[in-house]
Amino acid sequence: MASKQFVIIGLGNSAIFLAKHLTSLGHDVMVIDSHPDKVQDISSSVSQAIVADSTRLKQLSSIPLQKTDSVIVCIGENLQASLLTVLNLKELGVKHIIAKSSSAAHTSILEKLGVSDIFHPERDSAISLAERLNRPNMLDFLPFMEGFSIIEIVCPEKFQGKTLKDLSLTHKYGIQVIAIRDPLESKPKIGNIADYVLKENDVLFLIGPNEALDSFKA
């Protein structure tokens, strides 16, 4: 995968995790924040760290943002700063803006400003935790579309020793296994897995309607 260039504005906790993980994946990451101490703390972990106030157009205009693949605005709590930053980025001609939202109202305003790529880390983390508490055998949860999700579970005992063809999950539940991961192997099994015999420690990635996925509670 080719390296991409990302700019992250605002150094809260989610932004720091995002910046470090994108860097670990081999991407070129620039971070921007108005607090020098935050910028200093992360400077050794990213390609470039800049002290600047993103709510001031003049300061942003001195930074080469137009050629980046995405600019991610991770300012969630300060609504005014978030919106001013988005407006400044649009003024500068940034094509792909991703923005963090902290509320429904925040999301609504971002959408009115033309930002279609919006994420909600606190909400999504809380929902994921609630889903894992609701399904104790589930390892992870990802909302897919309205009424559907992708979940990651350890192979249930009743599946062990059987193939996906034997289980016929799509026919019985409307659920599909899209990948299987053996913890002892580096890569998951994807495609042509209908005849694979499931083992005790296999991890299954399931996609389907939420009410059907509830059948796999411990």
C-alpha atoms as a PDB file:
ATOM      1  CA  MET A   1       0.000   0.000   0.000  1.00  0.00           C
ATOM      2  CA  ALA A   2       1.367   3.402  -1.007  1.00  0.00           C
ATOM      3  CA  SER A   3       2.133   5.886   1.726  1.00  0.00           C
ATOM      4  CA  LYS A   4      -0.385   8.719   2.120  1.00  0.00           C
ATOM      5  CA  GLN A   5      -0.161  12.182   3.626  1.00  0.00           C
ATOM      6  CA  PHE A   6      -2.481  13.122   6.490  1.00  0.00           C
ATOM      7  CA  VAL A   7      -2.838  16.255   8.572  1.00  0.00           C
ATOM      8  CA  ILE A   8      -4.419  16.019  12.022  1.00  0.00           C
ATOM      9  CA  ILE A   9      -5.602  19.225  13.692  1.00  0.00           C
ATOM     10  CA  GLY A  10      -6.184  19.216  17.453  1.00  0.00           C
ATOM     11  CA  LEU A  11      -4.250  16.922  19.773  1.00  0.00           C
ATOM     12  CA  GLY A  12      -6.776  15.311  22.081  1.00  0.00           C
ATOM     13  CA  ASN A  13      -6.499  11.669  23.093  1.00  0.00           C
ATOM     14  CA  SER A  14      -8.203  10.269  19.990  1.00  0.00           C
ATOM     15  CA  ALA A  15      -6.020  12.426  17.727  1.00  0.00           C
ATOM     16  CA  ILE A  16      -2.837  11.227  19.400  1.00  0.00           C
ATOM     17  CA  PHE A  17      -3.809   7.558  18.996  1.00  0.00           C
ATOM     18  CA  LEU A  18      -4.827   8.226  15.390  1.00  0.00           C
ATOM     19  CA  ALA A  19      -1.584  10.033  14.544  1.00  0.00           C
ATOM     20  CA  LYS A  20       0.638   7.358  16.060  1.00  0.00           C
ATOM     21  CA  HIS A  21      -1.245   4.489  14.451  1.00  0.00           C
ATOM     22  CA  LEU A  22      -1.257   6.090  10.992  1.00  0.00           C
ATOM     23  CA  THR A  23       2.480   6.662  11.379  1.00  0.00           C
ATOM     24  CA  SER A  24       2.999   3.009  12.391  1.00  0.00           C
ATOM     25  CA  LEU A  25       1.173   2.008   9.197  1.00  0.00           C
ATOM     26  CA  GLY A  26       3.785   3.863   7.173  1.00  0.00           C
ATOM     27  CA  HIS A  27       1.942   7.088   6.399  1.00  0.00           C
ATOM     28  CA  ASP A  28       3.267  10.661   6.476  1.00  0.00           C
ATOM     29  CA  VAL A  29       1.476  12.428   9.343  1.00  0.00           C
ATOM     30  CA  MET A  30       1.573  16.117  10.215  1.00  0.00           C
ATOM     31  CA  VAL A  31      -0.100  17.308  13.423  1.00  0.00           C
ATOM     32  CA  ILE A  32      -1.204  20.837  14.289  1.00  0.00           C
ATOM     33  CA  ASP A  33      -2.203  22.231  17.661  1.00  0.00           C
ATOM     34  CA  SER A  34      -2.110  25.633  19.360  1.00  0.00           C
ATOM     35  CA  HIS A  35      -0.548  24.224  22.550  1.00  0.00           C
ATOM     36  CA  PRO A  36       3.266  23.975  22.279  1.00  0.00           C
ATOM     37  CA  ASP A  37       3.532  21.338  25.017  1.00  0.00           C
ATOM     38  CA  LYS A  38       1.180  18.952  23.192  1.00  0.00           C
ATOM     39  CA  VAL A  39       3.049  19.474  19.941  1.00  0.00           C
ATOM     40  CA  GLN A  40       6.385  18.863  21.642  1.00  0.00           C
ATOM     41  CA  ASP A  41       5.180  15.647  23.287  1.00  0.00           C
ATOM     42  CA  ILE A  42       4.239  14.020  19.969  1.00  0.00           C
ATOM     43  CA  SER A  43       6.896  15.547  17.719  1.00  0.00           C
ATOM     44  CA  SER A  44       9.150  12.477  17.786  1.00  0.00           C
ATOM     45  CA  SER A  45       6.270  10.154  16.834  1.00  0.00           C
ATOM     46  CA  VAL A  46       5.084  11.861  13.613  1.00  0.00           C
ATOM     47  CA  SER A  47       6.609  13.295  10.439  1.00  0.00           C
ATOM     48  CA  GLN A  48       5.976  16.915  11.381  1.00  0.00           C
ATOM     49  CA  ALA A  49       4.426  18.722  14.364  1.00  0.00           C
ATOM     50  CA  ILE A  50       3.426  22.378  14.070  1.00  0.00           C
ATOM     51  CA  VAL A  51       2.253  24.930  16.608  1.00  0.00           C
ATOM     52  CA  ALA A  52      -0.560  26.942  15.000  1.00  0.00           C
ATOM     53  CA  ASP A  53      -4.050  28.212  15.736  1.00  0.00           C
ATOM     54  CA  SER A  54      -6.305  26.553  13.163  1.00  0.00           C
ATOM     55  CA  THR A  55      -9.083  29.091  13.809  1.00  0.00           C
ATOM     56  CA  ARG A  56      -6.879  31.784  12.254  1.00  0.00           C
ATOM     57  CA  LEU A  57      -6.867  31.592   8.475  1.00  0.00           C
ATOM     58  CA  LYS A  58      -3.550  33.385   8.128  1.00  0.00           C
ATOM     59  CA  GLN A  59      -1.734  30.796  10.257  1.00  0.00           C
ATOM     60  CA  LEU A  60      -3.284  27.865   8.392  1.00  0.00           C
ATOM     61  CA  SER A  61      -2.559  29.400   5.001  1.00  0.00           C
ATOM     62  CA  SER A  62       1.180  29.177   5.673  1.00  0.00           C
ATOM     63  CA  ILE A  63       0.963  25.379   5.938  1.00  0.00           C
ATOM     64  CA  PRO A  64       0.829  23.240   2.745  1.00  0.00           C
ATOM     65  CA  LEU A  65      -2.514  21.503   3.216  1.00  0.00           C
ATOM     66  CA  GLN A  66      -3.970  21.298  -0.282  1.00  0.00           C
ATOM     67  CA  LYS A  67      -1.882  18.336  -1.473  1.00  0.00           C
ATOM     68  CA  THR A  68      -2.574  16.082   1.501  1.00  0.00           C
ATOM     69  CA  ASP A  69      -4.852  13.074   1.128  1.00  0.00           C
ATOM     70  CA  SER A  70      -7.017  14.087   4.097  1.00  0.00           C
ATOM     71  CA  VAL A  71      -7.149  16.721   6.808  1.00  0.00           C
ATOM     72  CA  ILE A  72      -8.704  15.364  10.003  1.00  0.00           C
ATOM     73  CA  VAL A  73     -10.165  17.928  12.397  1.00  0.00           C
ATOM     74  CA  CYS A  74     -10.034  16.304  15.836  1.00  0.00           C
ATOM     75  CA  ILE A  75     -11.502  19.260  17.724  1.00  0.00           C
ATOM     76  CA  GLY A  76     -14.615  17.875  19.352  1.00  0.00           C
ATOM     77  CA  GLU A  77     -15.373  19.773  22.538  1.00  0.00           C
ATOM     78  CA  ASN A  78     -14.772  23.342  21.349  1.00  0.00           C
ATOM     79  CA  LEU A  79     -17.592  23.731  18.828  1.00  0.00           C
ATOM     80  CA  GLN A  80     -16.565  27.207  17.692  1.00  0.00           C
ATOM     81  CA  ALA A  81     -12.951  26.179  17.092  1.00  0.00           C
ATOM     82  CA  SER A  82     -14.059  23.089  15.182  1.00  0.00           C
ATOM     83  CA  LEU A  83     -16.373  24.996  12.869  1.00  0.00           C
ATOM     84  CA  LEU A  84     -13.949  27.861  12.273  1.00  0.00           C
ATOM     85  CA  THR A  85     -11.244  25.360  11.410  1.00  0.00           C
ATOM     86  CA  VAL A  86     -13.509  23.598   8.914  1.00  0.00           C
ATOM     87  CA  LEU A  87     -14.465  26.931   7.323  1.00  0.00           C
ATOM     88  CA  ASN A  88     -10.789  27.894   7.041  1.00  0.00           C
ATOM     89  CA  LEU A  89      -9.905  24.577   5.435  1.00  0.00           C
ATOM     90  CA  LYS A  90     -12.663  25.034   2.878  1.00  0.00           C
ATOM     91  CA  GLU A  91     -11.472  28.566   2.201  1.00  0.00           C
ATOM     92  CA  LEU A  92      -8.002  27.135   1.515  1.00  0.00           C
ATOM     93  CA  GLY A  93      -9.380  24.585  -0.931  1.00  0.00           C
ATOM     94  CA  VAL A  94      -8.787  21.413   1.077  1.00  0.00           C
ATOM     95  CA  LYS A  95     -10.717  18.719  -0.763  1.00  0.00           C
ATOM     96  CA  HIS A  96     -11.115  15.939   1.802  1.00  0.00           C
ATOM     97  CA  ILE A  97     -11.992  17.037   5.325  1.00  0.00           C
ATOM     98  CA  ILE A  98     -12.785  14.520   8.073  1.00  0.00           C
ATOM     99  CA  ALA A  99     -14.164  15.974  11.297  1.00  0.00           C
ATOM    100  CA  LYS A 100     -14.713  14.727  14.822  1.00  0.00           C
ATOM    101  CA  SER A 101     -18.123  15.436  16.325  1.00  0.00           C
ATOM    102  CA  SER A 102     -19.080  15.507  19.984  1.00  0.00           C
ATOM    103  CA  SER A 103     -22.875  15.844  19.642  1.00  0.00           C
ATOM    104  CA  ALA A 104     -25.828  15.562  17.292  1.00  0.00           C
ATOM    105  CA  ALA A 105     -25.932  19.348  16.941  1.00  0.00           C
ATOM    106  CA  HIS A 106     -22.230  19.417  16.090  1.00  0.00           C
ATOM    107  CA  THR A 107     -22.784  16.755  13.434  1.00  0.00           C
ATOM    108  CA  SER A 108     -25.730  18.651  11.964  1.00  0.00           C
ATOM    109  CA  ILE A 109     -23.715  21.860  11.594  1.00  0.00           C
ATOM    110  CA  LEU A 110     -20.732  20.021  10.098  1.00  0.00           C
ATOM    111  CA  GLU A 111     -23.042  18.454   7.538  1.00  0.00           C
ATOM    112  CA  LYS A 112     -24.461  21.884   6.674  1.00  0.00           C
ATOM    113  CA  LEU A 113     -20.893  23.066   6.090  1.00  0.00           C
ATOM    114  CA  GLY A 114     -20.461  20.258   3.570  1.00  0.00           C
ATOM    115  CA  VAL A 115     -18.470  17.803   5.700  1.00  0.00           C
ATOM    116  CA  SER A 116     -19.749  14.322   4.898  1.00  0.00           C
ATOM    117  CA  ASP A 117     -16.997  12.320   6.613  1.00  0.00           C
ATOM    118  CA  ILE A 118     -17.719  12.696  10.338  1.00  0.00           C
ATOM    119  CA  PHE A 119     -16.629  10.420  13.182  1.00  0.00           C
ATOM    120  CA  HIS A 120     -17.779  10.127  16.795  1.00  0.00           C
ATOM    121  CA  PRO A 121     -15.050   8.353  18.814  1.00  0.00           C
ATOM    122  CA  GLU A 122     -16.639   8.659  22.261  1.00  0.00           C
ATOM    123  CA  ARG A 123     -20.068   7.542  21.033  1.00  0.00           C
ATOM    124  CA  ASP A 124     -18.685   4.706  18.925  1.00  0.00           C
ATOM    125  CA  SER A 125     -16.454   3.455  21.756  1.00  0.00           C
ATOM    126  CA  ALA A 126     -19.394   3.505  24.163  1.00  0.00           C
ATOM    127  CA  ILE A 127     -21.616   1.651  21.696  1.00  0.00           C
ATOM    128  CA  SER A 128     -18.890  -0.930  21.074  1.00  0.00           C
ATOM    129  CA  LEU A 129     -18.488  -1.483  24.832  1.00  0.00           C
ATOM    130  CA  ALA A 130     -22.249  -1.809  25.287  1.00  0.00           C
ATOM    131  CA  GLU A 131     -22.423  -4.360  22.478  1.00  0.00           C
ATOM    132  CA  ARG A 132     -19.550  -6.380  23.983  1.00  0.00           C
ATOM    133  CA  LEU A 133     -21.298  -6.345  27.377  1.00  0.00           C
ATOM    134  CA  ASN A 134     -24.502  -7.409  25.648  1.00  0.00           C
ATOM    135  CA  ARG A 135     -22.716 -10.258  23.829  1.00  0.00           C
ATOM    136  CA  PRO A 136     -20.053 -11.509  26.299  1.00  0.00           C
ATOM    137  CA  ASN A 137     -18.436 -13.834  23.735  1.00  0.00           C
ATOM    138  CA  MET A 138     -17.933 -10.991  21.248  1.00  0.00           C
ATOM    139  CA  LEU A 139     -14.428  -9.569  20.782  1.00  0.00           C
ATOM    140  CA  ASP A 140     -15.317  -6.485  18.752  1.00  0.00           C
ATOM    141  CA  PHE A 141     -18.239  -4.680  17.153  1.00  0.00           C
ATOM    142  CA  LEU A 142     -18.483  -2.420  14.107  1.00  0.00           C
ATOM    143  CA  PRO A 143     -21.725  -0.713  12.997  1.00  0.00           C
ATOM    144  CA  PHE A 144     -22.136  -1.416   9.268  1.00  0.00           C
ATOM    145  CA  MET A 145     -25.390   0.229   8.189  1.00  0.00           C
ATOM    146  CA  GLU A 146     -28.780   0.818   9.774  1.00  0.00           C
ATOM    147  CA  GLY A 147     -29.811  -2.430  11.470  1.00  0.00           C
ATOM    148  CA  PHE A 148     -26.669  -4.340  10.447  1.00  0.00           C
ATOM    149  CA  SER A 149     -23.278  -4.862  12.092  1.00  0.00           C
ATOM    150  CA  ILE A 150     -20.009  -6.718  11.804  1.00  0.00           C
ATOM    151  CA  ILE A 151     -18.947  -8.608  14.926  1.00  0.00           C
ATOM    152  CA  GLU A 152     -15.846 -10.575  15.858  1.00  0.00           C
ATOM    153  CA  ILE A 153     -16.394 -13.626  18.072  1.00  0.00           C
ATOM    154  CA  VAL A 154     -14.485 -16.664  19.262  1.00  0.00           C
ATOM    155  CA  CYS A 155     -15.846 -19.750  17.541  1.00  0.00           C
ATOM    156  CA  PRO A 156     -18.834 -20.993  19.603  1.00  0.00           C
ATOM    157  CA  GLU A 157     -18.531 -24.541  20.912  1.00  0.00           C
ATOM    158  CA  LYS A 158     -21.543 -25.646  18.861  1.00  0.00           C
ATOM    159  CA  PHE A 159     -19.701 -24.641  15.643  1.00  0.00           C
ATOM    160  CA  GLN A 160     -16.462 -26.482  16.374  1.00  0.00           C
ATOM    161  CA  GLY A 161     -15.679 -29.437  14.109  1.00  0.00           C
ATOM    162  CA  LYS A 162     -18.172 -28.239  11.495  1.00  0.00           C
ATOM    163  CA  THR A 163     -17.796 -26.383   8.223  1.00  0.00           C
ATOM    164  CA  LEU A 164     -19.610 -23.201   7.229  1.00  0.00           C
ATOM    165  CA  LYS A 165     -21.396 -25.277   4.622  1.00  0.00           C
ATOM    166  CA  ASP A 166     -22.616 -27.586   7.414  1.00  0.00           C
ATOM    167  CA  LEU A 167     -23.783 -24.637   9.522  1.00  0.00           C
ATOM    168  CA  SER A 168     -25.636 -22.859   6.689  1.00  0.00           C
ATOM    169  CA  LEU A 169     -25.702 -19.594   8.663  1.00  0.00           C
ATOM    170  CA  THR A 170     -26.860 -17.498   5.724  1.00  0.00           C
ATOM    171  CA  HIS A 171     -29.862 -19.731   5.131  1.00  0.00           C
ATOM    172  CA  LYS A 172     -30.771 -20.089   8.824  1.00  0.00           C
ATOM    173  CA  TYR A 173     -30.015 -16.605  10.164  1.00  0.00           C
ATOM    174  CA  GLY A 174     -29.188 -14.310   7.246  1.00  0.00           C
ATOM    175  CA  ILE A 175     -25.641 -14.070   8.640  1.00  0.00           C
ATOM    176  CA  GLN A 176     -22.434 -14.515   6.667  1.00  0.00           C
ATOM    177  CA  VAL A 177     -18.922 -15.357   7.888  1.00  0.00           C
ATOM    178  CA  ILE A 178     -16.668 -13.012   5.905  1.00  0.00           C
ATOM    179  CA  ALA A 179     -13.330 -14.107   7.409  1.00  0.00           C
ATOM    180  CA  ILE A 180     -11.799 -16.568   9.859  1.00  0.00           C
ATOM    181  CA  ARG A 181      -8.643 -15.911  11.848  1.00  0.00           C
ATOM    182  CA  ASP A 182      -6.553 -18.651  13.411  1.00  0.00           C
ATOM    183  CA  PRO A 183      -4.576 -16.999  16.276  1.00  0.00           C
ATOM    184  CA  LEU A 184      -1.555 -19.130  15.299  1.00  0.00           C
ATOM    185  CA  GLU A 185      -1.499 -17.769  11.736  1.00  0.00           C
ATOM    186  CA  SER A 186      -0.520 -14.267  10.610  1.00  0.00           C
ATOM    187  CA  LYS A 187      -3.214 -13.838   7.950  1.00  0.00           C
ATOM    188  CA  PRO A 188      -6.984 -14.422   8.136  1.00  0.00           C
ATOM    189  CA  LYS A 189      -8.765 -16.802   5.798  1.00  0.00           C
ATOM    190  CA  ILE A 190     -10.925 -14.877   3.323  1.00  0.00           C
ATOM    191  CA  GLY A 191     -12.845 -16.432   0.437  1.00  0.00           C
ATOM    192  CA  ASN A 192     -13.292 -20.132  -0.337  1.00  0.00           C
ATOM    193  CA  ILE A 193     -13.874 -20.916   3.339  1.00  0.00           C
ATOM    194  CA  ALA A 194     -17.127 -22.883   3.032  1.00  0.00           C
ATOM    195  CA  ASP A 195     -15.335 -26.215   3.574  1.00  0.00           C
ATOM    196  CA  TYR A 196     -12.976 -25.051   6.328  1.00  0.00           C
ATOM    197  CA  VAL A 197     -13.443 -27.080   9.529  1.00  0.00           C
ATOM    198  CA  LEU A 198     -13.827 -24.667  12.459  1.00  0.00           C
ATOM    199  CA  LYS A 199     -11.568 -25.077  15.493  1.00  0.00           C
ATOM    200  CA  GLU A 200     -11.862 -24.083  19.152  1.00  0.00           C
ATOM    201  CA  ASN A 201      -9.735 -20.922  19.038  1.00  0.00           C
ATOM    202  CA  ASP A 202     -10.774 -19.644  15.610  1.00  0.00           C
ATOM    203  CA  VAL A 203     -12.058 -16.075  15.506  1.00  0.00           C
ATOM    204  CA  LEU A 204     -15.056 -15.492  13.220  1.00  0.00           C
ATOM    205  CA  PHE A 205     -15.984 -12.210  11.560  1.00  0.00           C
ATOM    206  CA  LEU A 206     -19.754 -12.164  11.057  1.00  0.00           C
ATOM    207  CA  ILE A 207     -21.929  -9.693   9.171  1.00  0.00           C
ATOM    208  CA  GLY A 208     -25.685  -9.606   9.393  1.00  0.00           C
ATOM    209  CA  PRO A 209     -28.841  -8.084  10.909  1.00  0.00           C
ATOM    210  CA  ASN A 210     -28.464  -7.024  14.534  1.00  0.00           C
ATOM    211  CA  GLU A 211     -31.367  -9.155  15.721  1.00  0.00           C
ATOM    212  CA  ALA A 212     -29.812 -12.238  14.109  1.00  0.00           C
ATOM    213  CA  LEU A 213     -26.393 -11.497  15.599  1.00  0.00           C
ATOM    214  CA  ASP A 214     -28.074 -11.501  19.022  1.00  0.00           C
ATOM    215  CA  SER A 215     -28.411 -15.275  18.554  1.00  0.00           C
ATOM    216  CA  PHE A 216     -24.700 -15.545  19.258  1.00  0.00           C
ATOM    217  CA  LYS A 217     -24.770 -14.211  22.799  1.00  0.00           C
ATOM    218  CA  ALA A 218     -22.879 -16.403  25.259  1.00  0.00           C
END
